[in-house]
Amino acid sequence: AANGRTNQDRIEAGEDTFDFEPVV
């Protein structure tokens, strides 16, 4: 969820999303 919120915030700010490591 934290990773999802981070990328949602980045999308809303017009920034590229992070390419996160798999969590599970």
PDB file of all heavy atoms in Angstrom:
ATOM      1  N   ALA A   1       0.829  -1.212   0.000  1.00  0.00           N
ATOM      2  CA  ALA A   1       0.000   0.000   0.000  1.00  0.00           C
ATOM      3  C   ALA A   1       0.864   1.264   0.000  1.00  0.00           C
ATOM      4  O   ALA A   1       0.558   2.233  -0.710  1.00  0.00           O
ATOM      5  CB  ALA A   1      -0.940  -0.015   1.202  1.00  0.00           C
ATOM      6  N   ALA A   2       1.933   1.267   0.790  1.00  0.00           N
ATOM      7  CA  ALA A   2       2.827   2.430   0.832  1.00  0.00           C
ATOM      8  C   ALA A   2       3.442   2.680  -0.543  1.00  0.00           C
ATOM      9  O   ALA A   2       3.520   3.833  -1.000  1.00  0.00           O
ATOM     10  CB  ALA A   2       3.916   2.218   1.885  1.00  0.00           C
ATOM     11  N   ASN A   3       3.867   1.622  -1.212  1.00  0.00           N
ATOM     12  CA  ASN A   3       4.427   1.776  -2.559  1.00  0.00           C
ATOM     13  C   ASN A   3       3.373   2.317  -3.514  1.00  0.00           C
ATOM     14  O   ASN A   3       3.659   3.191  -4.346  1.00  0.00           O
ATOM     15  CB  ASN A   3       4.967   0.442  -3.065  1.00  0.00           C
ATOM     16  CG  ASN A   3       6.217  -0.005  -2.352  1.00  0.00           C
ATOM     17  OD1 ASN A   3       6.781   0.707  -1.526  1.00  0.00           O
ATOM     18  ND2 ASN A   3       6.654  -1.222  -2.648  1.00  0.00           N
ATOM     19  N   GLY A   4       2.156   1.816  -3.397  1.00  0.00           N
ATOM     20  CA  GLY A   4       1.076   2.290  -4.262  1.00  0.00           C
ATOM     21  C   GLY A   4       0.752   3.757  -4.036  1.00  0.00           C
ATOM     22  O   GLY A   4       0.542   4.517  -4.994  1.00  0.00           O
ATOM     23  N   ARG A   5       0.719   4.173  -2.771  1.00  0.00           N
ATOM     24  CA  ARG A   5       0.466   5.584  -2.461  1.00  0.00           C
ATOM     25  C   ARG A   5       1.586   6.475  -2.992  1.00  0.00           C
ATOM     26  O   ARG A   5       1.329   7.561  -3.533  1.00  0.00           O
ATOM     27  CB  ARG A   5       0.298   5.785  -0.959  1.00  0.00           C
ATOM     28  CG  ARG A   5      -1.060   5.365  -0.422  1.00  0.00           C
ATOM     29  CD  ARG A   5      -1.275   5.804   1.009  1.00  0.00           C
ATOM     30  NE  ARG A   5      -0.211   5.370   1.915  1.00  0.00           N
ATOM     31  CZ  ARG A   5      -0.158   4.184   2.511  1.00  0.00           C
ATOM     32  NH1 ARG A   5      -1.103   3.285   2.291  1.00  0.00           N
ATOM     33  NH2 ARG A   5       0.850   3.885   3.314  1.00  0.00           N
ATOM     34  N   THR A   6       2.814   6.012  -2.857  1.00  0.00           N
ATOM     35  CA  THR A   6       3.951   6.784  -3.359  1.00  0.00           C
ATOM     36  C   THR A   6       3.829   7.013  -4.857  1.00  0.00           C
ATOM     37  O   THR A   6       3.989   8.140  -5.345  1.00  0.00           O
ATOM     38  CB  THR A   6       5.287   6.072  -3.040  1.00  0.00           C
ATOM     39  OG1 THR A   6       5.432   6.014  -1.619  1.00  0.00           O
ATOM     40  CG2 THR A   6       6.472   6.785  -3.660  1.00  0.00           C
ATOM     41  N   ASN A   7       3.530   5.957  -5.601  1.00  0.00           N
ATOM     42  CA  ASN A   7       3.417   6.117  -7.050  1.00  0.00           C
ATOM     43  C   ASN A   7       2.189   6.928  -7.436  1.00  0.00           C
ATOM     44  O   ASN A   7       2.233   7.700  -8.399  1.00  0.00           O
ATOM     45  CB  ASN A   7       3.458   4.762  -7.753  1.00  0.00           C
ATOM     46  CG  ASN A   7       4.876   4.345  -8.057  1.00  0.00           C
ATOM     47  OD1 ASN A   7       5.794   5.172  -8.057  1.00  0.00           O
ATOM     48  ND2 ASN A   7       5.075   3.066  -8.314  1.00  0.00           N
ATOM     49  N   GLN A   8       1.101   6.797  -6.686  1.00  0.00           N
ATOM     50  CA  GLN A   8      -0.084   7.622  -6.966  1.00  0.00           C
ATOM     51  C   GLN A   8       0.247   9.103  -6.764  1.00  0.00           C
ATOM     52  O   GLN A   8      -0.118   9.941  -7.581  1.00  0.00           O
ATOM     53  CB  GLN A   8      -1.254   7.207  -6.071  1.00  0.00           C
ATOM     54  CG  GLN A   8      -2.529   7.984  -6.356  1.00  0.00           C
ATOM     55  CD  GLN A   8      -3.062   7.740  -7.753  1.00  0.00           C
ATOM     56  OE1 GLN A   8      -2.979   6.640  -8.288  1.00  0.00           O
ATOM     57  NE2 GLN A   8      -3.591   8.783  -8.378  1.00  0.00           N
ATOM     58  N   ASP A   9       0.962   9.408  -5.694  1.00  0.00           N
ATOM     59  CA  ASP A   9       1.378  10.797  -5.437  1.00  0.00           C
ATOM     60  C   ASP A   9       2.264  11.313  -6.573  1.00  0.00           C
ATOM     61  O   ASP A   9       2.143  12.461  -7.004  1.00  0.00           O
ATOM     62  CB  ASP A   9       2.123  10.911  -4.110  1.00  0.00           C
ATOM     63  CG  ASP A   9       1.222  10.705  -2.903  1.00  0.00           C
ATOM     64  OD1 ASP A   9      -0.026  10.738  -3.055  1.00  0.00           O
ATOM     65  OD2 ASP A   9       1.768  10.483  -1.798  1.00  0.00           O
ATOM     66  N   ARG A  10       3.158  10.458  -7.060  1.00  0.00           N
ATOM     67  CA  ARG A  10       4.063  10.865  -8.139  1.00  0.00           C
ATOM     68  C   ARG A  10       3.284  11.110  -9.436  1.00  0.00           C
ATOM     69  O   ARG A  10       3.562  12.058 -10.170  1.00  0.00           O
ATOM     70  CB  ARG A  10       5.174   9.841  -8.331  1.00  0.00           C
ATOM     71  CG  ARG A  10       6.134   9.805  -7.120  1.00  0.00           C
ATOM     72  CD  ARG A  10       7.279   8.836  -7.329  1.00  0.00           C
ATOM     73  NE  ARG A  10       8.168   9.256  -8.395  1.00  0.00           N
ATOM     74  CZ  ARG A  10       9.121  10.179  -8.276  1.00  0.00           C
ATOM     75  NH1 ARG A  10       9.315  10.796  -7.132  1.00  0.00           N
ATOM     76  NH2 ARG A  10       9.898  10.470  -9.312  1.00  0.00           N
ATOM     77  N   ILE A  11       2.307  10.270  -9.710  1.00  0.00           N
ATOM     78  CA  ILE A  11       1.472  10.455 -10.904  1.00  0.00           C
ATOM     79  C   ILE A  11       0.723  11.782 -10.806  1.00  0.00           C
ATOM     80  O   ILE A  11       0.697  12.565 -11.768  1.00  0.00           O
ATOM     81  CB  ILE A  11       0.491   9.271 -11.063  1.00  0.00           C
ATOM     82  CG1 ILE A  11       1.258   8.007 -11.475  1.00  0.00           C
ATOM     83  CG2 ILE A  11      -0.595   9.604 -12.087  1.00  0.00           C
ATOM     84  CD1 ILE A  11       0.442   6.735 -11.380  1.00  0.00           C
ATOM     85  N   GLU A  12       0.132  12.055  -9.643  1.00  0.00           N
ATOM     86  CA  GLU A  12      -0.616  13.295  -9.456  1.00  0.00           C
ATOM     87  C   GLU A  12       0.283  14.519  -9.557  1.00  0.00           C
ATOM     88  O   GLU A  12      -0.176  15.591  -9.966  1.00  0.00           O
ATOM     89  CB  GLU A  12      -1.344  13.258  -8.116  1.00  0.00           C
ATOM     90  CG  GLU A  12      -2.487  12.261  -8.104  1.00  0.00           C
ATOM     91  CD  GLU A  12      -3.099  12.053  -6.735  1.00  0.00           C
ATOM     92  OE1 GLU A  12      -2.681  12.708  -5.760  1.00  0.00           O
ATOM     93  OE2 GLU A  12      -4.012  11.201  -6.639  1.00  0.00           O
ATOM     94  N   ALA A  13       1.553  14.369  -9.218  1.00  0.00           N
ATOM     95  CA  ALA A  13       2.513  15.479  -9.310  1.00  0.00           C
ATOM     96  C   ALA A  13       3.133  15.585 -10.708  1.00  0.00           C
ATOM     97  O   ALA A  13       3.970  16.460 -10.950  1.00  0.00           O
ATOM     98  CB  ALA A  13       3.615  15.303  -8.263  1.00  0.00           C
ATOM     99  N   GLY A  14       2.739  14.691 -11.622  1.00  0.00           N
ATOM    100  CA  GLY A  14       3.286  14.714 -12.970  1.00  0.00           C
ATOM    101  C   GLY A  14       4.688  14.150 -13.067  1.00  0.00           C
ATOM    102  O   GLY A  14       5.413  14.445 -14.009  1.00  0.00           O
ATOM    103  N   GLU A  15       5.071  13.336 -12.095  1.00  0.00           N
ATOM    104  CA  GLU A  15       6.410  12.743 -12.069  1.00  0.00           C
ATOM    105  C   GLU A  15       6.357  11.278 -12.501  1.00  0.00           C
ATOM    106  O   GLU A  15       5.306  10.635 -12.469  1.00  0.00           O
ATOM    107  CB  GLU A  15       6.983  12.837 -10.650  1.00  0.00           C
ATOM    108  CG  GLU A  15       7.111  14.259 -10.145  1.00  0.00           C
ATOM    109  CD  GLU A  15       7.473  14.332  -8.671  1.00  0.00           C
ATOM    110  OE1 GLU A  15       7.386  13.300  -7.972  1.00  0.00           O
ATOM    111  OE2 GLU A  15       7.828  15.431  -8.218  1.00  0.00           O
ATOM    112  N   ASP A  16       7.520  10.753 -12.880  1.00  0.00           N
ATOM    113  CA  ASP A  16       7.612   9.332 -13.219  1.00  0.00           C
ATOM    114  C   ASP A  16       7.424   8.489 -11.967  1.00  0.00           C
ATOM    115  O   ASP A  16       7.812   8.894 -10.863  1.00  0.00           O
ATOM    116  CB  ASP A  16       8.989   9.015 -13.822  1.00  0.00           C
ATOM    117  CG  ASP A  16       9.162   9.611 -15.202  1.00  0.00           C
ATOM    118  OD1 ASP A  16       8.154   9.892 -15.872  1.00  0.00           O
ATOM    119  OD2 ASP A  16      10.330   9.813 -15.606  1.00  0.00           O
ATOM    120  N   THR A  17       6.861   7.317 -12.156  1.00  0.00           N
ATOM    121  CA  THR A  17       6.671   6.410 -11.024  1.00  0.00           C
ATOM    122  C   THR A  17       7.977   5.681 -10.724  1.00  0.00           C
ATOM    123  O   THR A  17       8.868   5.589 -11.572  1.00  0.00           O
ATOM    124  CB  THR A  17       5.573   5.378 -11.318  1.00  0.00           C
ATOM    125  OG1 THR A  17       5.911   4.659 -12.505  1.00  0.00           O
ATOM    126  CG2 THR A  17       4.217   6.052 -11.481  1.00  0.00           C
ATOM    127  N   PHE A  18       8.075   5.167  -9.505  1.00  0.00           N
ATOM    128  CA  PHE A  18       9.228   4.365  -9.101  1.00  0.00           C
ATOM    129  C   PHE A  18       9.076   2.943  -9.617  1.00  0.00           C
ATOM    130  O   PHE A  18       7.967   2.409  -9.679  1.00  0.00           O
ATOM    131  CB  PHE A  18       9.367   4.315  -7.577  1.00  0.00           C
ATOM    132  CG  PHE A  18       9.881   5.577  -6.963  1.00  0.00           C
ATOM    133  CD1 PHE A  18       9.129   6.239  -6.005  1.00  0.00           C
ATOM    134  CD2 PHE A  18      11.110   6.106  -7.315  1.00  0.00           C
ATOM    135  CE1 PHE A  18       9.596   7.395  -5.420  1.00  0.00           C
ATOM    136  CE2 PHE A  18      11.587   7.269  -6.737  1.00  0.00           C
ATOM    137  CZ  PHE A  18      10.820   7.912  -5.789  1.00  0.00           C
ATOM    138  N   ASP A  19      10.170   2.331  -9.951  1.00  0.00           N
ATOM    139  CA  ASP A  19      10.236   0.922 -10.326  1.00  0.00           C
ATOM    140  C   ASP A  19      10.646   0.177  -9.053  1.00  0.00           C
ATOM    141  O   ASP A  19      11.818  -0.083  -8.817  1.00  0.00           O
ATOM    142  CB  ASP A  19      11.264   0.740 -11.442  1.00  0.00           C
ATOM    143  CG  ASP A  19      11.359  -0.689 -11.955  1.00  0.00           C
ATOM    144  OD1 ASP A  19      10.504  -1.525 -11.600  1.00  0.00           O
ATOM    145  OD2 ASP A  19      12.304  -0.960 -12.718  1.00  0.00           O
ATOM    146  N   PHE A  20       9.670  -0.115  -8.209  1.00  0.00           N
ATOM    147  CA  PHE A  20       9.953  -0.734  -6.914  1.00  0.00           C
ATOM    148  C   PHE A  20      10.446  -2.168  -7.052  1.00  0.00           C
ATOM    149  O   PHE A  20      10.140  -2.856  -8.026  1.00  0.00           O
ATOM    150  CB  PHE A  20       8.683  -0.762  -6.043  1.00  0.00           C
ATOM    151  CG  PHE A  20       8.285   0.570  -5.502  1.00  0.00           C
ATOM    152  CD1 PHE A  20       7.154   1.215  -5.981  1.00  0.00           C
ATOM    153  CD2 PHE A  20       9.028   1.182  -4.508  1.00  0.00           C
ATOM    154  CE1 PHE A  20       6.767   2.441  -5.469  1.00  0.00           C
ATOM    155  CE2 PHE A  20       8.660   2.415  -3.991  1.00  0.00           C
ATOM    156  CZ  PHE A  20       7.525   3.042  -4.481  1.00  0.00           C
ATOM    157  N   GLU A  21      11.177  -2.606  -6.052  1.00  0.00           N
ATOM    158  CA  GLU A  21      11.496  -4.032  -5.928  1.00  0.00           C
ATOM    159  C   GLU A  21      10.218  -4.774  -5.560  1.00  0.00           C
ATOM    160  O   GLU A  21       9.357  -4.224  -4.864  1.00  0.00           O
ATOM    161  CB  GLU A  21      12.533  -4.259  -4.826  1.00  0.00           C
ATOM    162  CG  GLU A  21      13.902  -3.774  -5.157  1.00  0.00           C
ATOM    163  CD  GLU A  21      14.928  -4.167  -4.108  1.00  0.00           C
ATOM    164  OE1 GLU A  21      14.545  -4.546  -2.972  1.00  0.00           O
ATOM    165  OE2 GLU A  21      16.126  -4.099  -4.423  1.00  0.00           O
ATOM    166  N   PRO A  22      10.082  -6.021  -5.988  1.00  0.00           N
ATOM    167  CA  PRO A  22       8.932  -6.808  -5.538  1.00  0.00           C
ATOM    168  C   PRO A  22       8.951  -6.939  -4.017  1.00  0.00           C
ATOM    169  O   PRO A  22      10.005  -7.111  -3.412  1.00  0.00           O
ATOM    170  CB  PRO A  22       9.144  -8.163  -6.201  1.00  0.00           C
ATOM    171  CG  PRO A  22      10.089  -7.925  -7.323  1.00  0.00           C
ATOM    172  CD  PRO A  22      10.941  -6.771  -6.903  1.00  0.00           C
ATOM    173  N   VAL A  23       7.778  -6.852  -3.427  1.00  0.00           N
ATOM    174  CA  VAL A  23       7.626  -6.977  -1.980  1.00  0.00           C
ATOM    175  C   VAL A  23       7.392  -8.432  -1.597  1.00  0.00           C
ATOM    176  O   VAL A  23       7.831  -8.886  -0.546  1.00  0.00           O
ATOM    177  CB  VAL A  23       6.451  -6.098  -1.493  1.00  0.00           C
ATOM    178  CG1 VAL A  23       6.152  -6.315  -0.020  1.00  0.00           C
ATOM    179  CG2 VAL A  23       6.738  -4.634  -1.783  1.00  0.00           C
ATOM    180  N   VAL A  24       6.725  -9.167  -2.475  1.00  0.00           N
ATOM    181  CA  VAL A  24       6.338 -10.536  -2.152  1.00  0.00           C
ATOM    182  C   VAL A  24       6.312 -11.396  -3.412  1.00  0.00           C
ATOM    183  O   VAL A  24       6.032 -10.903  -4.504  1.00  0.00           O
ATOM    184  CB  VAL A  24       4.949 -10.555  -1.452  1.00  0.00           C
ATOM    185  CG1 VAL A  24       3.848 -10.058  -2.369  1.00  0.00           C
ATOM    186  CG2 VAL A  24       4.607 -11.918  -0.882  1.00  0.00           C
TER     187      VAL A  24
END
